[in-house]
Structure formats: structure tokens, C-alpha cells
N, C-alpha and C. Protein backbone atom coordinates (compact mmCIF):
# COMPACT_ATOMS: atom_id res chain seq x y z
N UNK A 1 79.21 67.94 73.83
CA UNK A 1 79.63 69.33 73.84
C UNK A 1 80.24 69.68 72.48
N UNK A 2 79.94 70.86 71.97
CA UNK A 2 80.43 71.29 70.66
C UNK A 2 81.94 71.47 70.67
N UNK A 3 82.57 71.06 69.56
CA UNK A 3 84.01 71.21 69.40
C UNK A 3 84.30 72.06 68.17
N UNK A 4 85.12 73.14 68.32
CA UNK A 4 85.44 73.97 67.16
C UNK A 4 86.26 73.22 66.13
N UNK A 5 86.06 73.55 64.85
CA UNK A 5 86.83 72.92 63.78
C UNK A 5 87.33 73.99 62.82
N UNK A 6 88.42 73.69 62.13
CA UNK A 6 88.98 74.63 61.16
C UNK A 6 89.02 74.02 59.77
N UNK A 7 88.33 72.91 59.57
CA UNK A 7 88.29 72.21 58.29
C UNK A 7 86.89 71.64 58.14
N UNK A 8 86.54 71.27 56.93
CA UNK A 8 85.22 70.67 56.70
C UNK A 8 85.29 69.20 57.09
N UNK A 9 84.51 68.79 58.09
CA UNK A 9 84.58 67.39 58.53
C UNK A 9 83.94 66.45 57.52
N UNK A 10 84.62 65.38 57.18
CA UNK A 10 84.09 64.44 56.21
C UNK A 10 83.40 63.25 56.90
N UNK A 11 83.61 63.11 58.19
CA UNK A 11 83.04 61.97 58.90
C UNK A 11 81.90 62.35 59.83
N UNK A 12 81.48 63.59 59.79
CA UNK A 12 80.42 64.07 60.67
C UNK A 12 79.13 64.27 59.89
N UNK A 13 78.01 64.15 60.58
CA UNK A 13 76.70 64.35 59.96
C UNK A 13 76.17 65.76 60.19
N UNK A 14 76.54 66.37 61.32
CA UNK A 14 76.00 67.67 61.68
C UNK A 14 77.11 68.67 61.96
N UNK A 15 76.83 69.92 61.58
CA UNK A 15 77.79 71.00 61.80
C UNK A 15 77.02 72.20 62.33
N UNK A 16 77.53 72.80 63.39
CA UNK A 16 76.89 73.97 63.98
C UNK A 16 77.61 75.25 63.59
N UNK A 17 76.83 76.33 63.51
CA UNK A 17 77.36 77.66 63.25
C UNK A 17 77.22 78.45 64.55
N UNK A 18 78.35 78.76 65.20
CA UNK A 18 78.30 79.47 66.48
C UNK A 18 77.86 80.91 66.32
N UNK A 19 77.94 81.46 65.14
CA UNK A 19 77.52 82.84 64.90
C UNK A 19 75.99 82.96 64.86
N UNK A 20 75.34 82.02 64.20
CA UNK A 20 73.88 82.06 64.06
C UNK A 20 73.16 81.08 65.00
N UNK A 21 73.93 80.18 65.62
CA UNK A 21 73.40 79.13 66.49
C UNK A 21 72.47 78.19 65.73
N UNK A 22 72.82 77.92 64.45
CA UNK A 22 72.07 76.99 63.63
C UNK A 22 72.88 75.71 63.44
N UNK A 23 72.16 74.60 63.30
CA UNK A 23 72.78 73.32 63.01
C UNK A 23 72.40 72.92 61.59
N UNK A 24 73.37 72.34 60.88
CA UNK A 24 73.19 71.91 59.49
C UNK A 24 73.41 70.41 59.39
N UNK A 25 72.60 69.75 58.55
CA UNK A 25 72.81 68.33 58.24
C UNK A 25 73.64 68.31 56.95
N UNK A 26 74.90 67.89 57.06
CA UNK A 26 75.83 67.98 55.93
C UNK A 26 75.39 67.18 54.72
N UNK A 27 74.70 66.07 54.91
CA UNK A 27 74.25 65.25 53.78
C UNK A 27 73.17 65.94 52.96
N UNK A 28 72.49 66.92 53.56
CA UNK A 28 71.38 67.60 52.89
C UNK A 28 71.64 69.09 52.66
N UNK A 29 72.89 69.51 52.80
CA UNK A 29 73.19 70.94 52.68
C UNK A 29 72.81 71.48 51.30
N UNK A 30 72.45 72.75 51.29
CA UNK A 30 72.14 73.45 50.05
C UNK A 30 73.16 74.58 49.89
N UNK A 31 73.14 75.24 48.76
CA UNK A 31 74.06 76.38 48.57
C UNK A 31 73.75 77.48 49.57
N UNK A 32 72.51 77.57 50.04
CA UNK A 32 72.14 78.59 51.04
C UNK A 32 72.80 78.34 52.39
N UNK A 33 73.21 77.12 52.66
CA UNK A 33 73.83 76.79 53.95
C UNK A 33 75.21 77.44 54.10
N UNK A 34 75.94 77.59 53.02
CA UNK A 34 77.26 78.23 53.01
C UNK A 34 78.22 77.62 54.03
N UNK A 35 78.29 76.28 54.03
CA UNK A 35 79.14 75.57 54.98
C UNK A 35 80.60 76.01 54.87
N UNK A 36 81.09 76.17 53.66
CA UNK A 36 82.48 76.61 53.47
C UNK A 36 82.75 77.95 54.12
N UNK A 37 81.81 78.87 54.03
CA UNK A 37 81.97 80.18 54.64
C UNK A 37 81.93 80.10 56.17
N UNK A 38 81.11 79.21 56.69
CA UNK A 38 81.04 79.03 58.15
C UNK A 38 82.38 78.54 58.67
N UNK A 39 82.95 77.55 58.00
CA UNK A 39 84.25 77.00 58.40
C UNK A 39 85.33 78.07 58.26
N UNK A 40 85.35 78.75 57.11
CA UNK A 40 86.37 79.77 56.84
C UNK A 40 86.34 80.89 57.89
N UNK A 41 85.15 81.25 58.34
CA UNK A 41 85.00 82.32 59.32
C UNK A 41 85.31 81.87 60.75
N UNK A 42 85.53 80.57 60.94
CA UNK A 42 85.85 80.06 62.27
C UNK A 42 84.63 79.87 63.16
N UNK A 43 83.45 79.75 62.56
CA UNK A 43 82.21 79.60 63.32
C UNK A 43 81.70 78.16 63.35
N UNK A 44 82.45 77.21 62.81
CA UNK A 44 81.99 75.82 62.71
C UNK A 44 82.35 75.02 63.96
N UNK A 45 81.37 74.24 64.42
CA UNK A 45 81.60 73.29 65.51
C UNK A 45 80.91 71.98 65.15
N UNK A 46 81.42 70.90 65.71
CA UNK A 46 80.76 69.60 65.59
C UNK A 46 80.27 69.20 66.97
N UNK A 47 79.50 68.15 67.04
CA UNK A 47 78.86 67.75 68.29
C UNK A 47 79.30 66.35 68.70
N UNK A 48 79.33 66.13 70.01
CA UNK A 48 79.69 64.83 70.55
C UNK A 48 78.65 64.45 71.59
N UNK A 49 77.79 63.51 71.28
CA UNK A 49 77.75 62.70 70.07
C UNK A 49 77.26 63.50 68.87
N UNK A 50 77.57 62.99 67.69
CA UNK A 50 77.24 63.64 66.42
C UNK A 50 75.76 63.38 66.09
N UNK A 51 74.90 64.18 66.73
CA UNK A 51 73.46 63.95 66.56
C UNK A 51 72.70 65.26 66.60
N UNK A 52 71.54 65.25 65.97
CA UNK A 52 70.68 66.42 65.98
C UNK A 52 70.17 66.70 67.39
N UNK A 53 69.88 65.65 68.13
CA UNK A 53 69.41 65.86 69.51
C UNK A 53 70.48 66.51 70.38
N UNK A 54 71.75 66.19 70.15
CA UNK A 54 72.83 66.85 70.90
C UNK A 54 72.91 68.33 70.53
N UNK A 55 72.79 68.63 69.22
CA UNK A 55 72.81 70.04 68.78
C UNK A 55 71.66 70.81 69.43
N UNK A 56 70.48 70.21 69.47
CA UNK A 56 69.33 70.86 70.10
C UNK A 56 69.57 71.04 71.60
N UNK A 57 70.18 70.06 72.24
CA UNK A 57 70.50 70.16 73.67
C UNK A 57 71.45 71.31 73.95
N UNK A 58 72.28 71.63 72.95
CA UNK A 58 73.23 72.74 73.09
C UNK A 58 72.65 74.04 72.54
N UNK A 59 71.33 74.05 72.35
CA UNK A 59 70.58 75.26 71.97
C UNK A 59 70.85 75.74 70.56
N UNK A 60 71.16 74.81 69.63
CA UNK A 60 71.27 75.16 68.22
C UNK A 60 69.90 74.93 67.57
N UNK A 61 69.50 75.83 66.69
CA UNK A 61 68.24 75.75 65.96
C UNK A 61 68.48 75.08 64.61
N UNK A 62 67.45 74.49 64.03
CA UNK A 62 67.57 73.87 62.71
C UNK A 62 67.81 74.91 61.63
N UNK A 63 68.68 74.61 60.69
CA UNK A 63 68.82 75.42 59.48
C UNK A 63 67.53 75.27 58.68
N UNK A 64 66.96 76.38 58.25
CA UNK A 64 65.70 76.34 57.50
C UNK A 64 65.85 75.65 56.15
N UNK A 65 67.07 75.61 55.60
CA UNK A 65 67.28 75.07 54.26
C UNK A 65 67.56 73.57 54.24
N UNK A 66 68.45 73.09 55.09
CA UNK A 66 68.82 71.67 55.01
C UNK A 66 68.06 70.80 56.01
N UNK A 67 67.52 71.38 57.06
CA UNK A 67 66.77 70.61 58.05
C UNK A 67 65.30 70.99 58.10
N UNK A 68 65.00 72.26 57.89
CA UNK A 68 63.63 72.73 58.03
C UNK A 68 63.22 72.83 59.49
N UNK A 69 62.10 73.44 59.71
CA UNK A 69 61.59 73.55 61.07
C UNK A 69 62.32 74.54 61.95
N UNK A 70 63.02 75.51 61.34
CA UNK A 70 63.72 76.52 62.12
C UNK A 70 62.72 77.33 62.94
N UNK A 71 63.09 77.66 64.15
CA UNK A 71 62.25 78.47 65.02
C UNK A 71 62.51 79.96 64.84
N UNK A 72 63.46 80.32 63.96
CA UNK A 72 63.81 81.74 63.75
C UNK A 72 62.85 82.41 62.82
């Protein structure tokens, strides 16, 4: 289940944006991902377990920039 965060997680691989319902892979983020803005706006969540499959199970779509394959 997604957990809200108010800081940039350094130990997580994936971060979700509750506003756009997109998941980002932090190791592959681009400037287009705007992770800092997502966190600052209070839209950032992490997943437990920290996996892409968990993000998909929670109905998050892939970020077109860092993951590719977005359905949007």
C-alpha cells in the first residue's frame, strides 16, 4: 500500500505521484520527472513492497520519461 512522504526517499527505488497516478523509477529519473516538485507539492508516495509490480497493482501508470510504456 502506498505511503505518503514529505522528503525525497534515498532508500527507495520507486516513487508515485498521487496527482497524476504515475510511478517513477528514481534511478532513471529525468528532469521531466520533476521529482522535487512532486514531493514539494505533497503528491509523493512510496510503495510497500518497493516494486514496480506493487505500483501497478495500486493502479499507477509508468512515467513516460523514466520508465516508458505509459498508457496515457
